[in-house]
Amino acid sequence: MDDLDRIDDQAAAAAFRRLVRHLRHRTDAQNVDLMGLAGFCRNCLSDWVGEAAGVDKDTARAAIYGMPYGKWKAQHQGEATPEQLARMAESVAKNPA
């Protein structure tokens, strides 16, 4: 058993909610930058939540973003630069299949 699996669900859920609230607060951390550094972003997180919870994409994204995705995107998402996109592509290539 992996040490991660030893964390009880209540503690894991609390840590997850803290992560989501942190990402909601840090609107300056663009998804393309998160992808470039870590190979995942808010959209990935919402996809994982949607799969785990059996909810549609819009519902999952609203849970992660704290508002409809289109509204968040209009308020907070800037245009990605070619450099950001290149870093993202390089980073995502490292993700497991």
PDB file of N, CA and C in Angstrom:
ATOM      1  N   MET A   1       0.847  -1.183   0.000  1.00  0.00           N
ATOM      2  CA  MET A   1       0.000   0.000   0.000  1.00  0.00           C
ATOM      3  C   MET A   1       0.891   1.245   0.000  1.00  0.00           C
ATOM      4  N   ASP A   2       0.589   2.167  -0.864  1.00  0.00           N
ATOM      5  CA  ASP A   2       1.291   3.443  -0.978  1.00  0.00           C
ATOM      6  C   ASP A   2       0.947   4.316   0.232  1.00  0.00           C
ATOM      7  N   ASP A   3       1.916   5.112   0.698  1.00  0.00           N
ATOM      8  CA  ASP A   3       1.653   6.018   1.825  1.00  0.00           C
ATOM      9  C   ASP A   3       0.479   6.943   1.546  1.00  0.00           C
ATOM     10  N   LEU A   4       0.301   7.341   0.310  1.00  0.00           N
ATOM     11  CA  LEU A   4      -0.816   8.206  -0.050  1.00  0.00           C
ATOM     12  C   LEU A   4      -2.145   7.532   0.269  1.00  0.00           C
ATOM     13  N   ASP A   5      -2.205   6.230   0.057  1.00  0.00           N
ATOM     14  CA  ASP A   5      -3.435   5.484   0.333  1.00  0.00           C
ATOM     15  C   ASP A   5      -3.711   5.331   1.823  1.00  0.00           C
ATOM     16  N   ARG A   6      -2.743   5.639   2.654  1.00  0.00           N
ATOM     17  CA  ARG A   6      -2.923   5.559   4.107  1.00  0.00           C
ATOM     18  C   ARG A   6      -3.566   6.827   4.690  1.00  0.00           C
ATOM     19  N   ILE A   7      -3.623   7.888   3.896  1.00  0.00           N
ATOM     20  CA  ILE A   7      -4.271   9.115   4.349  1.00  0.00           C
ATOM     21  C   ILE A   7      -5.770   8.885   4.313  1.00  0.00           C
ATOM     22  N   ASP A   8      -6.445   9.145   5.430  1.00  0.00           N
ATOM     23  CA  ASP A   8      -7.886   8.865   5.446  1.00  0.00           C
ATOM     24  C   ASP A   8      -8.628   9.850   4.543  1.00  0.00           C
ATOM     25  N   ASP A   9      -9.813   9.434   4.117  1.00  0.00           N
ATOM     26  CA  ASP A   9     -10.575  10.213   3.142  1.00  0.00           C
ATOM     27  C   ASP A   9     -10.947  11.601   3.642  1.00  0.00           C
ATOM     28  N   GLN A  10     -11.213  11.739   4.929  1.00  0.00           N
ATOM     29  CA  GLN A  10     -11.589  13.048   5.464  1.00  0.00           C
ATOM     30  C   GLN A  10     -10.412  14.025   5.355  1.00  0.00           C
ATOM     31  N   ALA A  11      -9.217  13.572   5.689  1.00  0.00           N
ATOM     32  CA  ALA A  11      -8.028  14.434   5.576  1.00  0.00           C
ATOM     33  C   ALA A  11      -7.722  14.737   4.110  1.00  0.00           C
ATOM     34  N   ALA A  12      -7.850  13.736   3.246  1.00  0.00           N
ATOM     35  CA  ALA A  12      -7.594  13.943   1.823  1.00  0.00           C
ATOM     36  C   ALA A  12      -8.588  14.941   1.235  1.00  0.00           C
ATOM     37  N   ALA A  13      -9.846  14.829   1.623  1.00  0.00           N
ATOM     38  CA  ALA A  13     -10.868  15.759   1.131  1.00  0.00           C
ATOM     39  C   ALA A  13     -10.582  17.181   1.606  1.00  0.00           C
ATOM     40  N   ALA A  14     -10.146  17.327   2.853  1.00  0.00           N
ATOM     41  CA  ALA A  14      -9.828  18.658   3.381  1.00  0.00           C
ATOM     42  C   ALA A  14      -8.651  19.269   2.618  1.00  0.00           C
ATOM     43  N   ALA A  15      -7.634  18.459   2.340  1.00  0.00           N
ATOM     44  CA  ALA A  15      -6.476  18.954   1.591  1.00  0.00           C
ATOM     45  C   ALA A  15      -6.869  19.321   0.160  1.00  0.00           C
ATOM     46  N   PHE A  16      -7.718  18.509  -0.448  1.00  0.00           N
ATOM     47  CA  PHE A  16      -8.200  18.799  -1.799  1.00  0.00           C
ATOM     48  C   PHE A  16      -8.949  20.124  -1.834  1.00  0.00           C
ATOM     49  N   ARG A  17      -9.853  20.328  -0.884  1.00  0.00           N
ATOM     50  CA  ARG A  17     -10.615  21.586  -0.853  1.00  0.00           C
ATOM     51  C   ARG A  17      -9.689  22.785  -0.634  1.00  0.00           C
ATOM     52  N   ARG A  18      -8.665  22.604   0.165  1.00  0.00           N
ATOM     53  CA  ARG A  18      -7.697  23.691   0.376  1.00  0.00           C
ATOM     54  C   ARG A  18      -6.948  23.995  -0.921  1.00  0.00           C
ATOM     55  N   LEU A  19      -6.562  22.962  -1.648  1.00  0.00           N
ATOM     56  CA  LEU A  19      -5.903  23.161  -2.942  1.00  0.00           C
ATOM     57  C   LEU A  19      -6.812  23.917  -3.899  1.00  0.00           C
ATOM     58  N   VAL A  20      -8.066  23.512  -3.994  1.00  0.00           N
ATOM     59  CA  VAL A  20      -9.007  24.168  -4.901  1.00  0.00           C
ATOM     60  C   VAL A  20      -9.193  25.631  -4.502  1.00  0.00           C
ATOM     61  N   ARG A  21      -9.365  25.896  -3.221  1.00  0.00           N
ATOM     62  CA  ARG A  21      -9.515  27.297  -2.778  1.00  0.00           C
ATOM     63  C   ARG A  21      -8.255  28.114  -3.073  1.00  0.00           C
ATOM     64  N   HIS A  22      -7.103  27.498  -2.937  1.00  0.00           N
ATOM     65  CA  HIS A  22      -5.846  28.173  -3.260  1.00  0.00           C
ATOM     66  C   HIS A  22      -5.812  28.521  -4.754  1.00  0.00           C
ATOM     67  N   LEU A  23      -6.182  27.582  -5.608  1.00  0.00           N
ATOM     68  CA  LEU A  23      -6.194  27.846  -7.049  1.00  0.00           C
ATOM     69  C   LEU A  23      -7.231  28.896  -7.420  1.00  0.00           C
ATOM     70  N   ARG A  24      -8.360  28.905  -6.724  1.00  0.00           N
ATOM     71  CA  ARG A  24      -9.368  29.950  -6.981  1.00  0.00           C
ATOM     72  C   ARG A  24      -8.815  31.326  -6.630  1.00  0.00           C
ATOM     73  N   HIS A  25      -8.061  31.405  -5.545  1.00  0.00           N
ATOM     74  CA  HIS A  25      -7.483  32.680  -5.105  1.00  0.00           C
ATOM     75  C   HIS A  25      -6.371  33.137  -6.047  1.00  0.00           C
ATOM     76  N   ARG A  26      -5.557  32.186  -6.514  1.00  0.00           N
ATOM     77  CA  ARG A  26      -4.395  32.523  -7.328  1.00  0.00           C
ATOM     78  C   ARG A  26      -4.745  32.548  -8.808  1.00  0.00           C
ATOM     79  N   THR A  27      -5.626  33.476  -9.154  1.00  0.00           N
ATOM     80  CA  THR A  27      -6.031  33.608 -10.551  1.00  0.00           C
ATOM     81  C   THR A  27      -4.867  34.067 -11.430  1.00  0.00           C
ATOM     82  N   ASP A  28      -3.810  34.596 -10.802  1.00  0.00           N
ATOM     83  CA  ASP A  28      -2.632  34.992 -11.566  1.00  0.00           C
ATOM     84  C   ASP A  28      -1.851  33.776 -12.073  1.00  0.00           C
ATOM     85  N   ALA A  29      -2.049  32.620 -11.470  1.00  0.00           N
ATOM     86  CA  ALA A  29      -1.402  31.388 -11.931  1.00  0.00           C
ATOM     87  C   ALA A  29      -2.243  30.853 -13.092  1.00  0.00           C
ATOM     88  N   GLN A  30      -1.805  31.151 -14.286  1.00  0.00           N
ATOM     89  CA  GLN A  30      -2.550  30.759 -15.482  1.00  0.00           C
ATOM     90  C   GLN A  30      -2.486  29.249 -15.689  1.00  0.00           C
ATOM     91  N   ASN A  31      -3.544  28.689 -16.241  1.00  0.00           N
ATOM     92  CA  ASN A  31      -3.575  27.259 -16.515  1.00  0.00           C
ATOM     93  C   ASN A  31      -2.408  26.824 -17.396  1.00  0.00           C
ATOM     94  N   VAL A  32      -2.077  27.616 -18.405  1.00  0.00           N
ATOM     95  CA  VAL A  32      -0.980  27.249 -19.299  1.00  0.00           C
ATOM     96  C   VAL A  32       0.344  27.193 -18.526  1.00  0.00           C
ATOM     97  N   ASP A  33       0.514  28.035 -17.521  1.00  0.00           N
ATOM     98  CA  ASP A  33       1.728  27.997 -16.702  1.00  0.00           C
ATOM     99  C   ASP A  33       1.726  26.769 -15.793  1.00  0.00           C
ATOM    100  N   LEU A  34       0.562  26.448 -15.214  1.00  0.00           N
ATOM    101  CA  LEU A  34       0.466  25.232 -14.407  1.00  0.00           C
ATOM    102  C   LEU A  34       0.798  24.008 -15.255  1.00  0.00           C
ATOM    103  N   MET A  35       0.271  23.982 -16.469  1.00  0.00           N
ATOM    104  CA  MET A  35       0.562  22.870 -17.371  1.00  0.00           C
ATOM    105  C   MET A  35       2.049  22.817 -17.704  1.00  0.00           C
ATOM    106  N   GLY A  36       2.645  23.983 -17.899  1.00  0.00           N
ATOM    107  CA  GLY A  36       4.064  24.045 -18.241  1.00  0.00           C
ATOM    108  C   GLY A  36       4.974  23.594 -17.118  1.00  0.00           C
ATOM    109  N   LEU A  37       4.545  23.789 -15.887  1.00  0.00           N
ATOM    110  CA  LEU A  37       5.362  23.397 -14.738  1.00  0.00           C
ATOM    111  C   LEU A  37       5.051  21.995 -14.220  1.00  0.00           C
ATOM    112  N   ALA A  38       3.773  21.667 -14.181  1.00  0.00           N
ATOM    113  CA  ALA A  38       3.378  20.433 -13.506  1.00  0.00           C
ATOM    114  C   ALA A  38       2.633  19.442 -14.394  1.00  0.00           C
ATOM    115  N   GLY A  39       2.291  19.836 -15.600  1.00  0.00           N
ATOM    116  CA  GLY A  39       1.597  18.927 -16.494  1.00  0.00           C
ATOM    117  C   GLY A  39       0.130  18.736 -16.186  1.00  0.00           C
ATOM    118  N   PHE A  40      -0.421  19.605 -15.342  1.00  0.00           N
ATOM    119  CA  PHE A  40      -1.861  19.582 -15.072  1.00  0.00           C
ATOM    120  C   PHE A  40      -2.301  20.991 -14.724  1.00  0.00           C
ATOM    121  N   CYS A  41      -3.618  21.231 -14.835  1.00  0.00           N
ATOM    122  CA  CYS A  41      -4.165  22.543 -14.516  1.00  0.00           C
ATOM    123  C   CYS A  41      -5.550  22.387 -13.907  1.00  0.00           C
ATOM    124  N   ARG A  42      -6.229  23.477 -13.751  1.00  0.00           N
ATOM    125  CA  ARG A  42      -7.584  23.454 -13.184  1.00  0.00           C
ATOM    126  C   ARG A  42      -8.530  22.597 -14.025  1.00  0.00           C
ATOM    127  N   ASN A  43      -8.378  22.663 -15.339  1.00  0.00           N
ATOM    128  CA  ASN A  43      -9.240  21.859 -16.206  1.00  0.00           C
ATOM    129  C   ASN A  43      -8.988  20.368 -15.989  1.00  0.00           C
ATOM    130  N   CYS A  44      -7.731  19.979 -15.853  1.00  0.00           N
ATOM    131  CA  CYS A  44      -7.413  18.581 -15.571  1.00  0.00           C
ATOM    132  C   CYS A  44      -8.044  18.163 -14.248  1.00  0.00           C
ATOM    133  N   LEU A  45      -7.882  19.000 -13.245  1.00  0.00           N
ATOM    134  CA  LEU A  45      -8.451  18.709 -11.933  1.00  0.00           C
ATOM    135  C   LEU A  45      -9.962  18.558 -12.024  1.00  0.00           C
ATOM    136  N   SER A  46     -10.604  19.428 -12.781  1.00  0.00           N
ATOM    137  CA  SER A  46     -12.056  19.314 -12.919  1.00  0.00           C
ATOM    138  C   SER A  46     -12.436  18.057 -13.701  1.00  0.00           C
ATOM    139  N   ASP A  47     -11.632  17.663 -14.678  1.00  0.00           N
ATOM    140  CA  ASP A  47     -11.898  16.412 -15.395  1.00  0.00           C
ATOM    141  C   ASP A  47     -11.810  15.219 -14.444  1.00  0.00           C
ATOM    142  N   TRP A  48     -10.795  15.215 -13.577  1.00  0.00           N
ATOM    143  CA  TRP A  48     -10.633  14.122 -12.613  1.00  0.00           C
ATOM    144  C   TRP A  48     -11.804  14.080 -11.633  1.00  0.00           C
ATOM    145  N   VAL A  49     -12.241  15.254 -11.194  1.00  0.00           N
ATOM    146  CA  VAL A  49     -13.396  15.321 -10.287  1.00  0.00           C
ATOM    147  C   VAL A  49     -14.643  14.818 -11.000  1.00  0.00           C
ATOM    148  N   GLY A  50     -14.836  15.245 -12.226  1.00  0.00           N
ATOM    149  CA  GLY A  50     -15.999  14.813 -12.987  1.00  0.00           C
ATOM    150  C   GLY A  50     -16.035  13.309 -13.164  1.00  0.00           C
ATOM    151  N   GLU A  51     -14.885  12.720 -13.493  1.00  0.00           N
ATOM    152  CA  GLU A  51     -14.807  11.269 -13.651  1.00  0.00           C
ATOM    153  C   GLU A  51     -15.102  10.558 -12.334  1.00  0.00           C
ATOM    154  N   ALA A  52     -14.507  11.044 -11.250  1.00  0.00           N
ATOM    155  CA  ALA A  52     -14.683  10.401  -9.945  1.00  0.00           C
ATOM    156  C   ALA A  52     -16.103  10.543  -9.414  1.00  0.00           C
ATOM    157  N   ALA A  53     -16.708  11.695  -9.673  1.00  0.00           N
ATOM    158  CA  ALA A  53     -18.039  11.978  -9.127  1.00  0.00           C
ATOM    159  C   ALA A  53     -19.164  11.607 -10.082  1.00  0.00           C
ATOM    160  N   GLY A  54     -18.814  11.322 -11.331  1.00  0.00           N
ATOM    161  CA  GLY A  54     -19.844  11.002 -12.314  1.00  0.00           C
ATOM    162  C   GLY A  54     -20.707  12.191 -12.679  1.00  0.00           C
ATOM    163  N   VAL A  55     -20.076  13.380 -12.759  1.00  0.00           N
ATOM    164  CA  VAL A  55     -20.816  14.583 -13.133  1.00  0.00           C
ATOM    165  C   VAL A  55     -20.288  15.109 -14.463  1.00  0.00           C
ATOM    166  N   ASP A  56     -21.083  15.927 -15.120  1.00  0.00           N
ATOM    167  CA  ASP A  56     -20.682  16.463 -16.416  1.00  0.00           C
ATOM    168  C   ASP A  56     -19.580  17.510 -16.263  1.00  0.00           C
ATOM    169  N   LYS A  57     -18.960  17.814 -17.383  1.00  0.00           N
ATOM    170  CA  LYS A  57     -17.810  18.727 -17.411  1.00  0.00           C
ATOM    171  C   LYS A  57     -18.144  20.103 -16.846  1.00  0.00           C
ATOM    172  N   ASP A  58     -19.289  20.671 -17.219  1.00  0.00           N
ATOM    173  CA  ASP A  58     -19.650  22.009 -16.740  1.00  0.00           C
ATOM    174  C   ASP A  58     -19.823  22.035 -15.222  1.00  0.00           C
ATOM    175  N   THR A  59     -20.449  21.012 -14.677  1.00  0.00           N
ATOM    176  CA  THR A  59     -20.647  20.933 -13.229  1.00  0.00           C
ATOM    177  C   THR A  59     -19.310  20.803 -12.510  1.00  0.00           C
ATOM    178  N   ALA A  60     -18.450  19.946 -13.028  1.00  0.00           N
ATOM    179  CA  ALA A  60     -17.137  19.744 -12.407  1.00  0.00           C
ATOM    180  C   ALA A  60     -16.294  21.016 -12.486  1.00  0.00           C
ATOM    181  N   ARG A  61     -16.321  21.686 -13.633  1.00  0.00           N
ATOM    182  CA  ARG A  61     -15.536  22.914 -13.759  1.00  0.00           C
ATOM    183  C   ARG A  61     -16.054  24.010 -12.835  1.00  0.00           C
ATOM    184  N   ALA A  62     -17.355  24.135 -12.709  1.00  0.00           N
ATOM    185  CA  ALA A  62     -17.912  25.138 -11.795  1.00  0.00           C
ATOM    186  C   ALA A  62     -17.487  24.844 -10.357  1.00  0.00           C
ATOM    187  N   ALA A  63     -17.390  23.566  -9.994  1.00  0.00           N
ATOM    188  CA  ALA A  63     -16.949  23.199  -8.643  1.00  0.00           C
ATOM    189  C   ALA A  63     -15.503  23.619  -8.410  1.00  0.00           C
ATOM    190  N   ILE A  64     -14.654  23.466  -9.403  1.00  0.00           N
ATOM    191  CA  ILE A  64     -13.242  23.817  -9.254  1.00  0.00           C
ATOM    192  C   ILE A  64     -13.025  25.323  -9.374  1.00  0.00           C
ATOM    193  N   TYR A  65     -13.647  25.947 -10.347  1.00  0.00           N
ATOM    194  CA  TYR A  65     -13.433  27.376 -10.578  1.00  0.00           C
ATOM    195  C   TYR A  65     -14.237  28.274  -9.640  1.00  0.00           C
ATOM    196  N   GLY A  66     -15.290  27.741  -9.046  1.00  0.00           N
ATOM    197  CA  GLY A  66     -16.133  28.545  -8.162  1.00  0.00           C
ATOM    198  C   GLY A  66     -17.112  29.423  -8.924  1.00  0.00           C
ATOM    199  N   MET A  67     -17.219  29.195 -10.211  1.00  0.00           N
ATOM    200  CA  MET A  67     -18.116  29.936 -11.102  1.00  0.00           C
ATOM    201  C   MET A  67     -18.124  29.192 -12.424  1.00  0.00           C
ATOM    202  N   PRO A  68     -19.034  29.523 -13.319  1.00  0.00           N
ATOM    203  CA  PRO A  68     -18.987  28.888 -14.642  1.00  0.00           C
ATOM    204  C   PRO A  68     -17.635  29.156 -15.311  1.00  0.00           C
ATOM    205  N   TYR A  69     -17.123  28.154 -15.996  1.00  0.00           N
ATOM    206  CA  TYR A  69     -15.799  28.252 -16.609  1.00  0.00           C
ATOM    207  C   TYR A  69     -15.690  29.437 -17.564  1.00  0.00           C
ATOM    208  N   GLY A  70     -16.704  29.659 -18.371  1.00  0.00           N
ATOM    209  CA  GLY A  70     -16.661  30.773 -19.316  1.00  0.00           C
ATOM    210  C   GLY A  70     -16.480  32.116 -18.627  1.00  0.00           C
ATOM    211  N   LYS A  71     -17.134  32.284 -17.492  1.00  0.00           N
ATOM    212  CA  LYS A  71     -17.001  33.531 -16.729  1.00  0.00           C
ATOM    213  C   LYS A  71     -15.585  33.669 -16.187  1.00  0.00           C
ATOM    214  N   TRP A  72     -15.041  32.580 -15.620  1.00  0.00           N
ATOM    215  CA  TRP A  72     -13.676  32.626 -15.079  1.00  0.00           C
ATOM    216  C   TRP A  72     -12.688  32.950 -16.193  1.00  0.00           C
ATOM    217  N   LYS A  73     -12.860  32.274 -17.321  1.00  0.00           N
ATOM    218  CA  LYS A  73     -11.959  32.479 -18.459  1.00  0.00           C
ATOM    219  C   LYS A  73     -11.985  33.938 -18.923  1.00  0.00           C
ATOM    220  N   ALA A  74     -13.175  34.521 -19.014  1.00  0.00           N
ATOM    221  CA  ALA A  74     -13.305  35.913 -19.450  1.00  0.00           C
ATOM    222  C   ALA A  74     -12.668  36.879 -18.454  1.00  0.00           C
ATOM    223  N   GLN A  75     -12.762  36.574 -17.175  1.00  0.00           N
ATOM    224  CA  GLN A  75     -12.249  37.474 -16.141  1.00  0.00           C
ATOM    225  C   GLN A  75     -10.759  37.304 -15.869  1.00  0.00           C
ATOM    226  N   HIS A  76     -10.231  36.080 -16.037  1.00  0.00           N
ATOM    227  CA  HIS A  76      -8.891  35.803 -15.516  1.00  0.00           C
ATOM    228  C   HIS A  76      -7.886  35.226 -16.508  1.00  0.00           C
ATOM    229  N   GLN A  77      -8.330  34.669 -17.606  1.00  0.00           N
ATOM    230  CA  GLN A  77      -7.394  33.970 -18.490  1.00  0.00           C
ATOM    231  C   GLN A  77      -6.875  34.883 -19.576  1.00  0.00           C
ATOM    232  N   GLY A  78      -5.574  34.972 -19.663  1.00  0.00           N
ATOM    233  CA  GLY A  78      -4.938  35.759 -20.714  1.00  0.00           C
ATOM    234  C   GLY A  78      -4.604  34.894 -21.911  1.00  0.00           C
ATOM    235  N   GLU A  79      -4.126  35.523 -22.958  1.00  0.00           N
ATOM    236  CA  GLU A  79      -3.709  34.815 -24.161  1.00  0.00           C
ATOM    237  C   GLU A  79      -2.353  34.156 -23.899  1.00  0.00           C
ATOM    238  N   ALA A  80      -2.222  32.891 -24.242  1.00  0.00           N
ATOM    239  CA  ALA A  80      -0.969  32.166 -24.040  1.00  0.00           C
ATOM    240  C   ALA A  80       0.066  32.611 -25.070  1.00  0.00           C
ATOM    241  N   THR A  81       1.300  32.732 -24.603  1.00  0.00           N
ATOM    242  CA  THR A  81       2.398  33.083 -25.511  1.00  0.00           C
ATOM    243  C   THR A  81       2.932  31.808 -26.158  1.00  0.00           C
ATOM    244  N   PRO A  82       3.652  31.942 -27.261  1.00  0.00           N
ATOM    245  CA  PRO A  82       4.279  30.763 -27.872  1.00  0.00           C
ATOM    246  C   PRO A  82       5.228  30.043 -26.894  1.00  0.00           C
ATOM    247  N   GLU A  83       5.910  30.787 -26.058  1.00  0.00           N
ATOM    248  CA  GLU A  83       6.819  30.190 -25.082  1.00  0.00           C
ATOM    249  C   GLU A  83       6.047  29.366 -24.049  1.00  0.00           C
ATOM    250  N   GLN A  84       4.925  29.899 -23.567  1.00  0.00           N
ATOM    251  CA  GLN A  84       4.103  29.164 -22.614  1.00  0.00           C
ATOM    252  C   GLN A  84       3.580  27.880 -23.237  1.00  0.00           C
ATOM    253  N   LEU A  85       3.129  27.963 -24.457  1.00  0.00           N
ATOM    254  CA  LEU A  85       2.606  26.788 -25.148  1.00  0.00           C
ATOM    255  C   LEU A  85       3.686  25.732 -25.362  1.00  0.00           C
ATOM    256  N   ALA A  86       4.909  26.172 -25.660  1.00  0.00           N
ATOM    257  CA  ALA A  86       6.015  25.230 -25.850  1.00  0.00           C
ATOM    258  C   ALA A  86       6.354  24.530 -24.534  1.00  0.00           C
ATOM    259  N   ARG A  87       6.412  25.296 -23.430  1.00  0.00           N
ATOM    260  CA  ARG A  87       6.670  24.692 -22.116  1.00  0.00           C
ATOM    261  C   ARG A  87       5.580  23.697 -21.753  1.00  0.00           C
ATOM    262  N   MET A  88       4.343  24.067 -22.051  1.00  0.00           N
ATOM    263  CA  MET A  88       3.216  23.182 -21.762  1.00  0.00           C
ATOM    264  C   MET A  88       3.355  21.878 -22.540  1.00  0.00           C
ATOM    265  N   ALA A  89       3.633  21.962 -23.811  1.00  0.00           N
ATOM    266  CA  ALA A  89       3.763  20.752 -24.644  1.00  0.00           C
ATOM    267  C   ALA A  89       4.891  19.858 -24.133  1.00  0.00           C
ATOM    268  N   GLU A  90       6.013  20.450 -23.773  1.00  0.00           N
ATOM    269  CA  GLU A  90       7.146  19.685 -23.242  1.00  0.00           C
ATOM    270  C   GLU A  90       6.774  19.014 -21.918  1.00  0.00           C
ATOM    271  N   SER A  91       6.087  19.735 -21.070  1.00  0.00           N
ATOM    272  CA  SER A  91       5.700  19.211 -19.760  1.00  0.00           C
ATOM    273  C   SER A  91       4.667  18.097 -19.891  1.00  0.00           C
ATOM    274  N   VAL A  92       3.650  18.317 -20.707  1.00  0.00           N
ATOM    275  CA  VAL A  92       2.585  17.321 -20.856  1.00  0.00           C
ATOM    276  C   VAL A  92       3.145  16.019 -21.437  1.00  0.00           C
ATOM    277  N   ALA A  93       4.189  16.126 -22.260  1.00  0.00           N
ATOM    278  CA  ALA A  93       4.807  14.926 -22.837  1.00  0.00           C
ATOM    279  C   ALA A  93       5.404  14.024 -21.757  1.00  0.00           C
ATOM    280  N   LYS A  94       5.666  14.560 -20.580  1.00  0.00           N
ATOM    281  CA  LYS A  94       6.230  13.771 -19.477  1.00  0.00           C
ATOM    282  C   LYS A  94       5.155  13.029 -18.680  1.00  0.00           C
ATOM    283  N   ASN A  95       3.890  13.368 -18.904  1.00  0.00           N
ATOM    284  CA  ASN A  95       2.797  12.740 -18.153  1.00  0.00           C
ATOM    285  C   ASN A  95       2.672  11.268 -18.521  1.00  0.00           C
ATOM    286  N   PRO A  96       2.224  10.452 -17.555  1.00  0.00           N
ATOM    287  CA  PRO A  96       1.981   9.044 -17.895  1.00  0.00           C
ATOM    288  C   PRO A  96       0.817   8.946 -18.876  1.00  0.00           C
ATOM    289  N   ALA A  97       0.859   7.931 -19.682  1.00  0.00           N
ATOM    290  CA  ALA A  97      -0.202   7.747 -20.686  1.00  0.00           C
ATOM    291  C   ALA A  97      -1.533   7.411 -20.057  1.00  0.00           C
TER     292      ALA A  97
END
